[in-house]
Amino acid sequence: MLQALSISDFIIVDKLDLEFDSGFTTLTGETGAGKSILIDALSLTLGARNDGLVARVGCDKADISATFSIDDNSDAKNWLTKNEIEVDDQLMLRRVIYADGRSRGFINGASATVNQMKELGEFLVDIYSQNAHHSLLKASTQRQILDEFAHNAELASQVAQHYKTWHTLHTQRLAFEKNAAAYADELVELRDKTRELQQLNFNLDDWQDIQQEHHRLANGTSLLSGLEACIALLNDNDVNISAMLAQVQQKLMGLVDFDAQIKDAADNVDSALIQLEEANRTLNRYLQKAELDPARLIEVDSRIQSIHNISRKYRSKPEELPDLLVVCQSRMAELETFAIDGLLTKQEQEALNAYQTAANTLSHKRMQATKILSKRISLEMQRLSLSGGQFSVALNACEASAHGLETVEFLVAGHAGVGPLPLNKVASGGELSRISLALHVTTTSQGSVPCMIFDEVDVGIGGGVAEVVGQLLKQLGAERQVLVITHLPQVASQAAQHLQVSKKQQNGATLSHIQALRQAERIEEIARMLGGIQITETTRSHAKEMLGL
């Protein structure tokens, strides 16, 4: 669950430290006070894209940290283990966004990419915006909701993979049947090409070695004469480096008696003499073994020329020849498989059978889930003042696809006596908002994400319906951590924790402030939400009643 949120110099927030309880928490305040800023800040720690300059005016950066408690067997803990990020039972996500738009992310103090924070954030928080119900009209959203409710996510992924495999084989078979002659010619060409590349027996290590050897052999005369000159300078000439350095060593050793500080210099010269002797021996050994080998030079030169000829022939760089051989062998194996009579058809059929088995299982599980989901949402509709309304899920058979053998369609009858029709044709904005909320409460209670945030999802709802919405959120808060931004006193009054957002002027700047309300302050806030600017004792009495005081 979300334990704490710390915000510094973000938009109109200068400094804010919030702690959160488990269960149902509400966030209220006047329009424009900055309630959604809290969600925006949290979203950035969860890997949301930074679309603008969010550092507060006059500040060089915005700094946001979110602290979560996580269980050992949670998806978040498993992700952290997989990504080798050390964590105990507490997790901190931090995002620093600079005034020029650059940003940095951290997971438990370790630098992290935005994509990593986003992946991890999906296991920590679900955020539903006030316009989330519009996505409910999309077929993909409806299918996803049903599959999540039925715990079909893994099976649906398998169906998609089986479909991809079958579709690839099906496409290959059709292409082979249409282009059999061209494929036969290509196979002959590939066999010749592969044989030539294999006979070349080329690899990158040998290529580097043979280039070095060619360079050495081609410059053999210069190499030998240069080594002889170096040896002469070191030791062979009448005046050589070793003799001169020996004289320096002898003089220094005689001076050490006068001043011990010279001892280090004398030791260094002694070491230099030893190194020179070793260098001289090494060069002599090399010179004894080294010889000009014109025959080997011709052999190496021929080898290099052969490699370049093959490279030019196939329009590749020498370094690319090993990869070219792998590609040719892979394509040749593929075409040889096509050429085996009936094999490709057999593979295609096996893939189709695997797809149909998985898709039929998915269809069966979807069918079972539709009955349960339809019943539950229909019951919630009655509570949400859609009396007599019915919700149902239709599975319409369709051609095989990556999503299975059917499309998923949500149907609704707004009141008794009418037949169900597609959601996008009959639901008004208010009805859609209520149905969306019912779906969220019903389906997400089975999910694994520990924290849910609803950002004004109750827009367009009021009266007794708002009270029911509050009850639904309170019900959900008994199982999960729920944070709700709302303008409805019927919803806010049922929360266990109440946070109020307000604006204030400070040094000519507008700043947003959030505080946890005590009982007396909460009565005043609920009364404000009920009665507006002029708050009367009657309004306060109503607020106390709503709070159950």
Protein backbone atom coordinates (compact mmCIF):
# COMPACT_ATOMS: atom_id res chain seq x y z
CA MET A 1 0.00 0.00 0.00
CA LEU A 2 0.94 3.65 -0.38
CA GLN A 3 2.40 4.83 2.93
CA ALA A 4 3.69 8.32 2.23
CA LEU A 5 4.12 10.92 -0.47
CA SER A 6 6.66 13.73 -0.35
CA ILE A 7 6.44 16.58 -2.87
CA SER A 8 8.84 19.49 -3.21
CA ASP A 9 8.54 22.48 -5.60
CA PHE A 10 5.99 20.82 -7.89
CA ILE A 11 3.69 23.22 -9.84
CA ILE A 12 2.03 25.14 -6.96
CA VAL A 13 3.24 22.90 -4.11
CA ASP A 14 6.30 24.14 -2.27
CA LYS A 15 6.70 21.44 0.37
CA LEU A 16 4.30 18.63 1.23
CA ASP A 17 4.67 15.45 3.28
CA LEU A 18 1.63 13.18 3.49
CA GLU A 19 1.07 9.88 5.24
CA PHE A 20 -1.73 7.54 4.20
CA ASP A 21 -3.74 4.97 6.09
CA SER A 22 -5.07 1.70 4.76
CA GLY A 23 -8.72 1.55 3.72
CA PHE A 24 -10.79 4.40 2.26
CA THR A 25 -9.24 7.89 2.14
CA THR A 26 -10.94 10.88 0.54
CA LEU A 27 -9.40 14.08 -0.79
CA THR A 28 -11.63 17.16 -1.07
CA GLY A 29 -11.33 20.89 -1.63
CA GLU A 30 -12.49 23.79 -3.75
CA THR A 31 -12.24 23.51 -7.51
CA GLY A 32 -8.75 24.57 -8.62
CA ALA A 33 -7.22 24.04 -5.19
CA GLY A 34 -4.87 21.39 -6.58
CA LYS A 35 -6.48 18.05 -5.75
CA SER A 36 -5.41 16.47 -9.04
CA ILE A 37 -1.86 17.76 -8.54
CA LEU A 38 -1.45 15.05 -5.91
CA ILE A 39 -2.38 12.37 -8.47
CA ASP A 40 -0.16 13.96 -11.11
CA ALA A 41 2.81 13.93 -8.74
CA LEU A 42 2.23 10.33 -7.70
CA SER A 43 1.83 9.31 -11.36
CA LEU A 44 5.29 10.67 -12.16
CA THR A 45 6.86 8.39 -9.53
CA LEU A 46 4.98 5.52 -11.19
CA GLY A 47 6.64 6.21 -14.54
CA ALA A 48 4.12 8.59 -16.12
CA ARG A 49 5.39 10.67 -19.00
CA ASN A 50 6.48 14.21 -18.17
CA ASP A 51 4.60 16.30 -20.74
CA GLY A 52 5.50 19.74 -19.45
CA LEU A 53 7.62 21.86 -17.18
CA VAL A 54 6.42 20.99 -13.68
CA ALA A 55 9.07 22.60 -11.48
CA ARG A 56 7.56 25.45 -9.45
CA VAL A 57 8.28 28.91 -10.83
CA GLY A 58 11.70 30.08 -9.67
CA CYS A 59 12.89 26.57 -8.69
CA ASP A 60 15.48 24.51 -10.52
CA LYS A 61 13.73 21.17 -10.00
CA ALA A 62 10.70 19.32 -8.63
CA ASP A 63 11.37 16.36 -6.32
CA ILE A 64 8.72 13.69 -5.64
CA SER A 65 9.04 10.52 -3.53
CA ALA A 66 6.44 7.83 -2.87
CA THR A 67 6.91 5.17 -0.19
CA PHE A 68 5.11 1.83 -0.33
CA SER A 69 4.92 -1.20 1.92
CA ILE A 70 5.10 -4.47 -0.01
CA ASP A 71 4.52 -8.11 0.86
CA ASP A 72 7.07 -10.86 0.26
CA ASN A 73 4.83 -12.70 -2.20
CA SER A 74 3.57 -9.63 -4.05
CA ASP A 75 4.04 -9.04 -7.78
CA ALA A 76 6.08 -5.94 -6.94
CA LYS A 77 8.51 -7.95 -4.77
CA ASN A 78 8.87 -10.55 -7.51
CA TRP A 79 9.62 -7.80 -10.06
CA LEU A 80 12.27 -6.28 -7.80
CA THR A 81 13.91 -9.68 -7.26
CA LYS A 82 13.90 -10.40 -10.99
CA ASN A 83 15.54 -7.03 -11.69
CA GLU A 84 18.10 -7.54 -8.89
CA ILE A 85 16.99 -4.52 -6.87
CA GLU A 86 17.43 -4.97 -3.13
CA VAL A 87 14.40 -4.16 -0.99
CA ASP A 88 12.95 -5.21 2.35
CA ASP A 89 9.33 -4.53 3.25
CA GLN A 90 9.51 -0.87 2.19
CA LEU A 91 9.93 0.54 -1.29
CA MET A 92 10.65 4.12 -2.36
CA LEU A 93 10.12 5.50 -5.85
CA ARG A 94 11.62 8.94 -6.53
CA ARG A 95 11.41 11.22 -9.55
CA VAL A 96 13.41 14.42 -9.96
CA ILE A 97 12.30 16.71 -12.79
CA TYR A 98 14.45 19.69 -13.68
CA ALA A 99 13.27 23.08 -14.88
CA ASP A 100 14.44 22.35 -18.42
CA GLY A 101 12.28 19.21 -18.61
CA ARG A 102 14.99 16.62 -17.95
CA SER A 103 14.19 13.99 -15.34
CA ARG A 104 15.82 11.23 -13.31
CA GLY A 105 14.21 8.24 -11.65
CA PHE A 106 15.23 6.15 -8.64
CA ILE A 107 14.01 2.88 -7.14
CA ASN A 108 15.18 2.52 -3.55
CA GLY A 109 17.98 4.97 -4.25
CA ALA A 110 19.24 3.15 -7.35
CA SER A 111 19.01 4.94 -10.68
CA ALA A 112 16.11 3.62 -12.80
CA THR A 113 14.60 4.26 -16.21
CA VAL A 114 11.09 5.61 -16.65
CA ASN A 115 10.08 2.29 -18.24
CA GLN A 116 11.31 0.40 -15.17
CA MET A 117 9.32 2.69 -12.88
CA LYS A 118 6.26 2.23 -15.08
CA GLU A 119 6.56 -1.57 -15.04
CA LEU A 120 6.91 -1.60 -11.25
CA GLY A 121 4.17 1.02 -10.79
CA GLU A 122 1.63 -1.22 -12.52
CA PHE A 123 1.97 -3.64 -9.59
CA LEU A 124 1.50 -0.89 -6.99
CA VAL A 125 -1.30 1.51 -7.99
CA ASP A 126 -4.31 1.61 -10.33
CA ILE A 127 -5.50 5.13 -11.19
CA TYR A 128 -8.98 5.76 -12.62
CA SER A 129 -9.58 9.25 -13.96
CA GLN A 130 -12.90 11.05 -14.24
CA ASN A 131 -13.00 10.25 -17.96
CA ALA A 132 -12.11 6.59 -17.53
CA HIS A 133 -15.70 5.52 -18.19
CA HIS A 134 -15.38 6.64 -21.82
CA SER A 135 -12.87 3.84 -22.48
CA LEU A 136 -15.60 1.44 -21.39
CA LEU A 137 -17.19 1.94 -24.82
CA LYS A 138 -14.20 0.31 -26.53
CA ALA A 139 -14.45 -3.38 -27.40
CA SER A 140 -10.85 -3.93 -26.26
CA THR A 141 -11.63 -2.49 -22.81
CA GLN A 142 -14.72 -4.67 -22.44
CA ARG A 143 -12.75 -7.78 -23.39
CA GLN A 144 -9.97 -6.87 -20.95
CA ILE A 145 -12.42 -6.31 -18.08
CA LEU A 146 -14.07 -9.69 -18.64
CA ASP A 147 -10.76 -11.54 -18.88
CA GLU A 148 -9.39 -9.86 -15.76
CA PHE A 149 -12.57 -10.76 -13.89
CA ALA A 150 -12.26 -14.39 -15.04
CA HIS A 151 -8.48 -14.52 -14.36
CA ASN A 152 -7.93 -15.24 -18.04
CA ALA A 153 -4.91 -12.99 -18.61
CA GLU A 154 -2.34 -15.81 -18.94
CA LEU A 155 -4.66 -17.98 -21.05
CA ALA A 156 -5.49 -15.03 -23.33
CA SER A 157 -1.76 -14.45 -23.81
CA GLN A 158 -1.29 -18.11 -24.78
CA VAL A 159 -4.15 -17.87 -27.28
CA ALA A 160 -2.52 -14.83 -28.88
CA GLN A 161 0.83 -16.65 -29.14
CA HIS A 162 -0.75 -19.78 -30.65
CA TYR A 163 -2.58 -17.62 -33.16
CA LYS A 164 0.64 -15.88 -34.14
CA THR A 165 2.40 -19.22 -34.67
CA TRP A 166 -0.45 -20.63 -36.76
CA HIS A 167 -0.84 -17.44 -38.81
CA THR A 168 2.88 -17.40 -39.62
CA LEU A 169 2.83 -21.02 -40.81
CA HIS A 170 -0.38 -20.44 -42.76
CA THR A 171 1.15 -17.45 -44.53
CA GLN A 172 4.31 -19.43 -45.29
CA ARG A 173 2.36 -22.34 -46.78
CA LEU A 174 0.32 -20.07 -49.04
CA ALA A 175 3.44 -18.25 -50.16
CA PHE A 176 5.25 -21.54 -50.88
CA GLU A 177 2.35 -22.92 -52.91
CA LYS A 178 2.23 -19.71 -54.92
CA ASN A 179 6.01 -19.36 -55.41
CA ALA A 180 7.23 -22.97 -55.40
CA ALA A 181 9.41 -22.55 -58.50
CA ALA A 182 11.01 -19.34 -57.20
CA TYR A 183 11.66 -20.97 -53.82
CA ALA A 184 13.31 -23.94 -55.56
CA ASP A 185 15.67 -21.60 -57.42
CA GLU A 186 16.39 -19.69 -54.21
CA LEU A 187 17.19 -22.96 -52.43
CA VAL A 188 19.72 -23.95 -55.10
CA GLU A 189 21.37 -20.54 -54.85
CA LEU A 190 21.44 -20.72 -51.03
CA ARG A 191 23.08 -24.15 -51.10
CA ASP A 192 25.85 -22.88 -53.35
CA LYS A 193 26.28 -19.77 -51.23
CA THR A 194 26.34 -21.74 -47.98
CA ARG A 195 28.84 -24.27 -49.37
CA GLU A 196 31.15 -21.45 -50.50
CA LEU A 197 30.98 -19.70 -47.13
CA GLN A 198 31.60 -22.94 -45.25
CA GLN A 199 34.60 -23.77 -47.45
CA LEU A 200 36.02 -20.34 -46.69
CA ASN A 201 36.07 -21.45 -43.01
CA PHE A 202 36.07 -17.85 -41.83
CA ASN A 203 35.64 -16.49 -38.32
CA LEU A 204 36.30 -13.09 -36.77
CA ASP A 205 39.16 -14.22 -34.49
CA ASP A 206 41.08 -15.73 -37.43
CA TRP A 207 40.39 -12.61 -39.47
CA GLN A 208 42.00 -10.37 -36.86
CA ASP A 209 44.96 -12.74 -36.43
CA ILE A 210 45.63 -13.09 -40.15
CA GLN A 211 45.51 -9.31 -40.67
CA GLN A 212 48.08 -8.84 -37.91
CA GLU A 213 50.27 -11.59 -39.36
CA HIS A 214 50.07 -10.06 -42.84
CA HIS A 215 51.03 -6.66 -41.46
CA ARG A 216 54.02 -8.20 -39.68
CA LEU A 217 55.22 -10.21 -42.67
CA ALA A 218 54.74 -7.35 -45.12
CA ASN A 219 56.90 -5.12 -42.92
CA GLY A 220 59.42 -7.83 -41.95
CA THR A 221 62.52 -6.08 -43.27
CA SER A 222 61.76 -2.85 -41.43
CA LEU A 223 60.85 -4.79 -38.28
CA LEU A 224 64.14 -6.75 -38.18
CA SER A 225 66.37 -3.77 -38.96
CA GLY A 226 64.57 -1.67 -36.37
CA LEU A 227 65.01 -4.33 -33.67
CA GLU A 228 68.73 -4.65 -34.43
CA ALA A 229 69.15 -0.89 -34.10
CA CYS A 230 67.34 -0.92 -30.73
CA ILE A 231 69.51 -3.74 -29.40
CA ALA A 232 72.62 -1.86 -30.50
CA LEU A 233 71.49 1.27 -28.65
CA LEU A 234 70.71 -0.72 -25.55
CA ASN A 235 73.85 -2.77 -25.29
CA ASP A 236 76.00 -3.35 -28.38
CA ASN A 237 77.46 0.05 -29.32
CA ASP A 238 80.57 1.42 -27.71
CA VAL A 239 78.37 4.08 -26.18
CA ASN A 240 75.09 2.49 -25.16
CA ILE A 241 72.26 3.16 -22.77
CA SER A 242 73.05 0.30 -20.39
CA ALA A 243 76.67 1.39 -19.96
CA MET A 244 75.70 5.00 -19.36
CA LEU A 245 73.02 4.04 -16.85
CA ALA A 246 75.51 1.78 -15.05
CA GLN A 247 77.83 4.77 -14.64
CA VAL A 248 74.94 6.80 -13.18
CA GLN A 249 74.19 3.97 -10.75
CA GLN A 250 77.81 3.75 -9.65
CA LYS A 251 78.10 7.49 -9.01
CA LEU A 252 74.82 7.58 -7.04
CA MET A 253 75.81 4.67 -4.83
CA GLY A 254 79.00 6.58 -3.99
CA LEU A 255 76.93 9.65 -3.03
CA VAL A 256 74.48 7.78 -0.79
CA ASP A 257 77.05 7.86 2.02
CA PHE A 258 76.85 11.66 1.97
CA ASP A 259 73.04 11.87 2.01
CA ALA A 260 70.66 8.91 2.53
CA GLN A 261 67.87 10.74 0.68
CA ILE A 262 69.63 9.87 -2.59
CA LYS A 263 69.05 6.15 -1.85
CA ASP A 264 65.58 6.15 -3.50
CA ALA A 265 66.99 7.60 -6.72
CA ALA A 266 69.79 5.03 -6.71
CA ASP A 267 67.29 2.22 -6.24
CA ASN A 268 65.19 3.52 -9.15
CA VAL A 269 68.24 3.54 -11.42
CA ASP A 270 69.05 0.00 -10.28
CA SER A 271 65.51 -1.09 -11.19
CA ALA A 272 65.85 0.64 -14.56
CA LEU A 273 69.01 -1.31 -15.30
CA ILE A 274 67.23 -4.58 -14.51
CA GLN A 275 64.35 -3.60 -16.79
CA LEU A 276 66.75 -2.68 -19.60
CA GLU A 277 68.50 -6.06 -19.29
CA GLU A 278 65.13 -7.84 -19.46
CA ALA A 279 64.10 -5.78 -22.51
CA ASN A 280 67.40 -6.60 -24.20
CA ARG A 281 66.94 -10.36 -23.59
CA THR A 282 63.35 -10.23 -24.88
CA LEU A 283 64.36 -8.43 -28.07
CA ASN A 284 67.22 -10.85 -28.70
CA ARG A 285 64.94 -13.87 -28.23
CA TYR A 286 62.42 -12.37 -30.67
CA LEU A 287 65.18 -11.58 -33.19
CA GLN A 288 66.54 -15.14 -33.03
CA LYS A 289 63.13 -16.59 -33.87
CA ALA A 290 62.00 -13.94 -36.33
CA GLU A 291 62.72 -14.50 -40.01
CA LEU A 292 61.51 -13.25 -43.35
CA ASP A 293 59.17 -15.82 -44.89
CA PRO A 294 58.16 -14.76 -48.41
CA ALA A 295 56.26 -18.02 -48.96
CA ARG A 296 54.12 -17.48 -45.87
CA LEU A 297 53.50 -13.87 -46.92
CA ILE A 298 52.21 -15.11 -50.29
CA GLU A 299 49.98 -17.66 -48.51
CA VAL A 300 48.55 -15.08 -46.10
CA ASP A 301 48.07 -12.56 -48.89
CA SER A 302 46.15 -15.17 -50.90
CA ARG A 303 43.94 -15.97 -47.91
CA ILE A 304 43.07 -12.29 -47.38
CA GLN A 305 42.36 -11.87 -51.08
CA SER A 306 39.96 -14.85 -51.01
CA ILE A 307 38.07 -13.34 -48.09
CA HIS A 308 37.76 -9.98 -49.84
CA ASN A 309 36.61 -11.67 -53.06
CA ILE A 310 33.79 -13.48 -51.24
CA SER A 311 32.86 -10.25 -49.44
CA ARG A 312 32.60 -8.33 -52.71
CA LYS A 313 30.67 -11.16 -54.33
CA TYR A 314 27.98 -11.08 -51.65
CA ARG A 315 28.21 -7.32 -51.06
CA SER A 316 29.19 -7.67 -47.42
CA LYS A 317 32.04 -6.58 -45.23
CA PRO A 318 34.44 -9.38 -44.13
CA GLU A 319 33.22 -8.92 -40.56
CA GLU A 320 29.64 -9.67 -41.69
CA LEU A 321 30.42 -13.04 -43.36
CA PRO A 322 29.77 -15.22 -40.23
CA ASP A 323 26.34 -13.62 -39.75
CA LEU A 324 25.64 -14.02 -43.47
CA LEU A 325 26.35 -17.74 -43.18
CA VAL A 326 23.93 -18.06 -40.25
CA VAL A 327 21.20 -16.22 -42.19
CA CYS A 328 21.74 -18.40 -45.25
CA GLN A 329 21.64 -21.61 -43.21
CA SER A 330 18.46 -20.49 -41.45
CA ARG A 331 16.70 -19.58 -44.67
CA MET A 332 17.93 -22.76 -46.36
CA ALA A 333 16.56 -24.87 -43.49
CA GLU A 334 13.25 -23.04 -43.78
CA LEU A 335 13.00 -23.67 -47.54
CA GLU A 336 14.04 -27.29 -47.13
CA THR A 337 11.21 -27.69 -44.65
CA PHE A 338 8.82 -26.21 -47.20
CA ALA A 339 10.12 -28.65 -49.81
CA ILE A 340 9.31 -31.73 -47.69
CA ASP A 341 5.99 -32.88 -49.03
CA GLY A 342 3.20 -32.28 -46.54
CA LEU A 343 5.44 -31.19 -43.63
CA LEU A 344 4.46 -27.52 -43.69
CA THR A 345 0.79 -28.44 -43.93
CA LYS A 346 1.22 -30.79 -40.97
CA GLN A 347 2.93 -28.10 -38.88
CA GLU A 348 0.22 -25.61 -39.77
CA GLN A 349 -2.49 -28.04 -38.72
CA GLU A 350 -0.74 -28.81 -35.42
CA ALA A 351 -0.47 -25.08 -34.70
CA LEU A 352 -4.13 -24.59 -35.58
CA ASN A 353 -5.13 -27.46 -33.28
CA ALA A 354 -3.11 -25.93 -30.41
CA TYR A 355 -4.75 -22.56 -31.04
CA GLN A 356 -8.27 -24.00 -31.18
CA THR A 357 -7.75 -25.98 -27.98
CA ALA A 358 -6.58 -22.89 -26.08
CA ALA A 359 -9.21 -20.66 -27.69
CA ASN A 360 -12.02 -23.10 -26.84
CA THR A 361 -10.83 -23.20 -23.23
CA LEU A 362 -10.80 -19.39 -23.18
CA SER A 363 -14.31 -19.31 -24.67
CA HIS A 364 -15.57 -21.70 -21.99
CA LYS A 365 -14.08 -19.66 -19.16
CA ARG A 366 -15.46 -16.48 -20.66
CA MET A 367 -18.91 -18.02 -20.88
CA GLN A 368 -18.80 -18.98 -17.21
CA ALA A 369 -17.58 -15.52 -16.20
CA THR A 370 -20.27 -13.67 -18.21
CA LYS A 371 -23.04 -15.18 -16.10
CA ILE A 372 -21.42 -14.17 -12.82
CA LEU A 373 -20.34 -10.71 -13.98
CA SER A 374 -23.75 -9.96 -15.54
CA LYS A 375 -25.54 -10.88 -12.31
CA ARG A 376 -23.24 -8.85 -10.07
CA ILE A 377 -23.33 -5.70 -12.20
CA SER A 378 -27.12 -5.95 -12.55
CA LEU A 379 -27.42 -6.05 -8.75
CA GLU A 380 -25.13 -3.03 -8.40
CA MET A 381 -27.24 -1.15 -10.98
CA GLN A 382 -30.27 -1.49 -8.73
CA ARG A 383 -28.30 0.05 -5.88
CA LEU A 384 -27.18 2.85 -8.18
CA SER A 385 -30.77 3.96 -8.98
CA LEU A 386 -30.97 2.09 -12.26
CA SER A 387 -34.01 0.18 -11.03
CA GLY A 388 -35.07 -2.62 -13.31
CA GLY A 389 -31.91 -2.20 -15.35
CA GLN A 390 -30.04 -5.24 -16.50
CA PHE A 391 -26.43 -5.73 -17.50
CA SER A 392 -25.25 -8.62 -19.63
CA VAL A 393 -22.15 -9.69 -21.51
CA ALA A 394 -22.59 -11.03 -25.05
CA LEU A 395 -20.03 -13.33 -26.63
CA ASN A 396 -20.42 -13.02 -30.39
CA ALA A 397 -18.78 -15.68 -32.55
CA CYS A 398 -16.24 -14.31 -35.02
CA GLU A 399 -13.40 -15.46 -37.22
CA ALA A 400 -10.39 -16.79 -35.36
CA SER A 401 -8.16 -13.98 -34.13
CA ALA A 402 -5.44 -13.32 -31.62
CA HIS A 403 -8.20 -12.49 -29.12
CA GLY A 404 -10.04 -15.79 -29.47
CA LEU A 405 -13.12 -17.10 -31.23
CA GLU A 406 -15.53 -14.40 -30.09
CA THR A 407 -15.88 -10.70 -29.47
CA VAL A 408 -16.95 -9.40 -26.07
CA GLU A 409 -19.76 -6.86 -25.94
CA PHE A 410 -21.37 -5.24 -22.91
CA LEU A 411 -25.15 -4.84 -23.17
CA VAL A 412 -27.44 -2.85 -20.92
CA ALA A 413 -31.15 -2.31 -20.47
CA GLY A 414 -31.70 0.98 -18.67
CA HIS A 415 -35.02 -0.07 -17.12
CA ALA A 416 -37.46 -2.96 -17.02
CA GLY A 417 -39.40 -3.88 -20.13
CA VAL A 418 -36.73 -3.09 -22.71
CA GLY A 419 -34.23 -5.39 -24.33
CA PRO A 420 -30.52 -5.00 -23.74
CA LEU A 421 -28.57 -3.01 -26.33
CA PRO A 422 -24.87 -2.23 -26.74
CA LEU A 423 -23.55 0.05 -24.06
CA ASN A 424 -22.46 2.76 -26.50
CA LYS A 425 -25.99 3.09 -27.90
CA VAL A 426 -28.14 3.37 -24.80
CA ALA A 427 -26.15 4.61 -21.81
CA SER A 428 -26.21 8.30 -20.99
CA GLY A 429 -23.18 9.98 -19.43
CA GLY A 430 -24.50 9.54 -15.89
CA GLU A 431 -25.51 5.92 -16.49
CA LEU A 432 -22.19 5.13 -18.08
CA SER A 433 -20.36 6.66 -15.12
CA ARG A 434 -22.37 4.54 -12.65
CA ILE A 435 -21.94 1.34 -14.64
CA SER A 436 -18.24 2.03 -14.98
CA LEU A 437 -17.91 2.48 -11.22
CA ALA A 438 -19.89 -0.71 -10.57
CA LEU A 439 -17.54 -2.58 -12.91
CA HIS A 440 -14.46 -1.13 -11.25
CA VAL A 441 -15.66 -2.10 -7.79
CA THR A 442 -16.78 -5.56 -8.87
CA THR A 443 -13.77 -6.54 -10.99
CA THR A 444 -10.86 -4.82 -9.28
CA SER A 445 -11.69 -6.40 -5.91
CA GLN A 446 -10.28 -9.59 -7.44
CA GLY A 447 -7.08 -7.94 -8.63
CA SER A 448 -3.66 -7.96 -7.03
CA VAL A 449 -2.82 -4.22 -7.15
CA PRO A 450 -2.95 -3.06 -3.50
CA CYS A 451 -3.83 0.62 -4.04
CA MET A 452 -6.64 2.13 -6.14
CA ILE A 453 -7.13 5.83 -6.82
CA PHE A 454 -10.37 7.28 -8.18
CA ASP A 455 -10.03 10.83 -9.52
CA GLU A 456 -13.57 12.33 -9.60
CA VAL A 457 -15.08 9.19 -11.14
CA ASP A 458 -18.39 10.18 -9.51
CA VAL A 459 -18.92 13.17 -11.85
CA GLY A 460 -22.57 13.39 -12.90
CA ILE A 461 -23.81 11.51 -9.82
CA GLY A 462 -25.71 13.01 -6.91
CA GLY A 463 -28.35 12.48 -4.24
CA GLY A 464 -29.02 8.98 -2.99
CA VAL A 465 -26.92 7.50 -5.77
CA ALA A 466 -23.88 9.36 -4.44
CA GLU A 467 -24.45 7.77 -1.04
CA VAL A 468 -24.50 4.32 -2.63
CA VAL A 469 -21.31 5.17 -4.50
CA GLY A 470 -19.73 6.06 -1.18
CA GLN A 471 -20.89 2.74 0.25
CA LEU A 472 -19.37 0.86 -2.70
CA LEU A 473 -16.03 2.64 -2.24
CA LYS A 474 -16.15 1.99 1.51
CA GLN A 475 -16.85 -1.66 0.75
CA LEU A 476 -13.86 -1.75 -1.57
CA GLY A 477 -11.74 0.00 1.06
CA ALA A 478 -12.30 -2.93 3.42
CA GLU A 479 -10.23 -5.07 1.05
CA ARG A 480 -7.83 -2.60 -0.59
CA GLN A 481 -6.36 0.84 -0.06
CA VAL A 482 -8.67 3.30 -1.83
CA LEU A 483 -7.98 7.02 -2.39
CA VAL A 484 -10.87 9.03 -3.81
CA ILE A 485 -10.92 12.63 -5.03
CA THR A 486 -14.50 13.83 -4.87
CA HIS A 487 -16.83 16.84 -4.69
CA LEU A 488 -19.66 14.79 -3.16
CA PRO A 489 -20.23 14.98 0.60
CA GLN A 490 -22.13 11.67 0.43
CA VAL A 491 -18.92 10.01 -0.74
CA ALA A 492 -16.42 11.93 1.39
CA SER A 493 -18.36 11.35 4.61
CA GLN A 494 -17.88 7.59 4.40
CA ALA A 495 -14.08 7.68 4.22
CA ALA A 496 -11.95 6.61 7.16
CA GLN A 497 -9.35 9.33 6.47
CA HIS A 498 -10.12 12.80 5.13
CA LEU A 499 -7.56 15.07 3.46
CA GLN A 500 -8.42 18.64 2.52
CA VAL A 501 -6.74 20.64 -0.24
CA SER A 502 -6.67 24.42 -0.10
CA LYS A 503 -4.86 27.33 -1.75
CA LYS A 504 -3.08 30.19 -0.03
CA GLN A 505 -1.14 33.29 -1.08
CA GLN A 506 2.43 33.50 0.15
CA ASN A 507 4.95 36.13 -0.93
CA GLY A 508 2.89 36.88 -4.02
CA ALA A 509 2.70 33.23 -5.09
CA THR A 510 -0.23 30.80 -5.02
CA LEU A 511 0.57 27.61 -3.10
CA SER A 512 -1.42 24.43 -2.58
CA HIS A 513 -1.73 22.99 0.91
CA ILE A 514 -3.05 19.61 2.07
CA GLN A 515 -3.89 18.63 5.63
CA ALA A 516 -5.46 15.67 7.38
CA LEU A 517 -8.72 16.76 9.05
CA ARG A 518 -9.66 16.15 12.65
CA GLN A 519 -13.29 15.55 13.57
CA ALA A 520 -14.30 19.19 14.05
CA GLU A 521 -12.50 20.25 10.86
CA ARG A 522 -14.11 17.42 8.97
CA ILE A 523 -17.59 18.56 10.03
CA GLU A 524 -16.81 22.01 8.61
CA GLU A 525 -15.53 20.56 5.33
CA ILE A 526 -18.56 18.29 4.82
CA ALA A 527 -20.80 21.27 5.70
CA ARG A 528 -18.99 23.37 3.10
CA MET A 529 -19.55 20.68 0.50
CA LEU A 530 -23.24 20.58 1.46
CA GLY A 531 -24.01 24.25 1.82
CA GLY A 532 -21.42 26.29 -0.01
CA ILE A 533 -20.11 29.62 1.32
CA GLN A 534 -22.76 30.27 3.96
CA ILE A 535 -22.56 27.43 6.47
CA THR A 536 -25.43 27.29 8.96
CA GLU A 537 -25.95 25.21 12.08
CA THR A 538 -28.50 23.19 10.12
CA THR A 539 -25.81 22.39 7.56
CA ARG A 540 -23.38 21.43 10.31
CA SER A 541 -26.03 19.23 11.88
CA HIS A 542 -26.54 17.52 8.52
CA ALA A 543 -22.79 17.05 8.18
CA LYS A 544 -22.60 15.45 11.64
CA GLU A 545 -25.43 13.14 10.69
CA MET A 546 -23.66 12.08 7.51
CA LEU A 547 -20.49 11.43 9.49
CA GLY A 548 -22.48 9.32 11.94
CA LEU A 549 -21.70 11.58 14.87
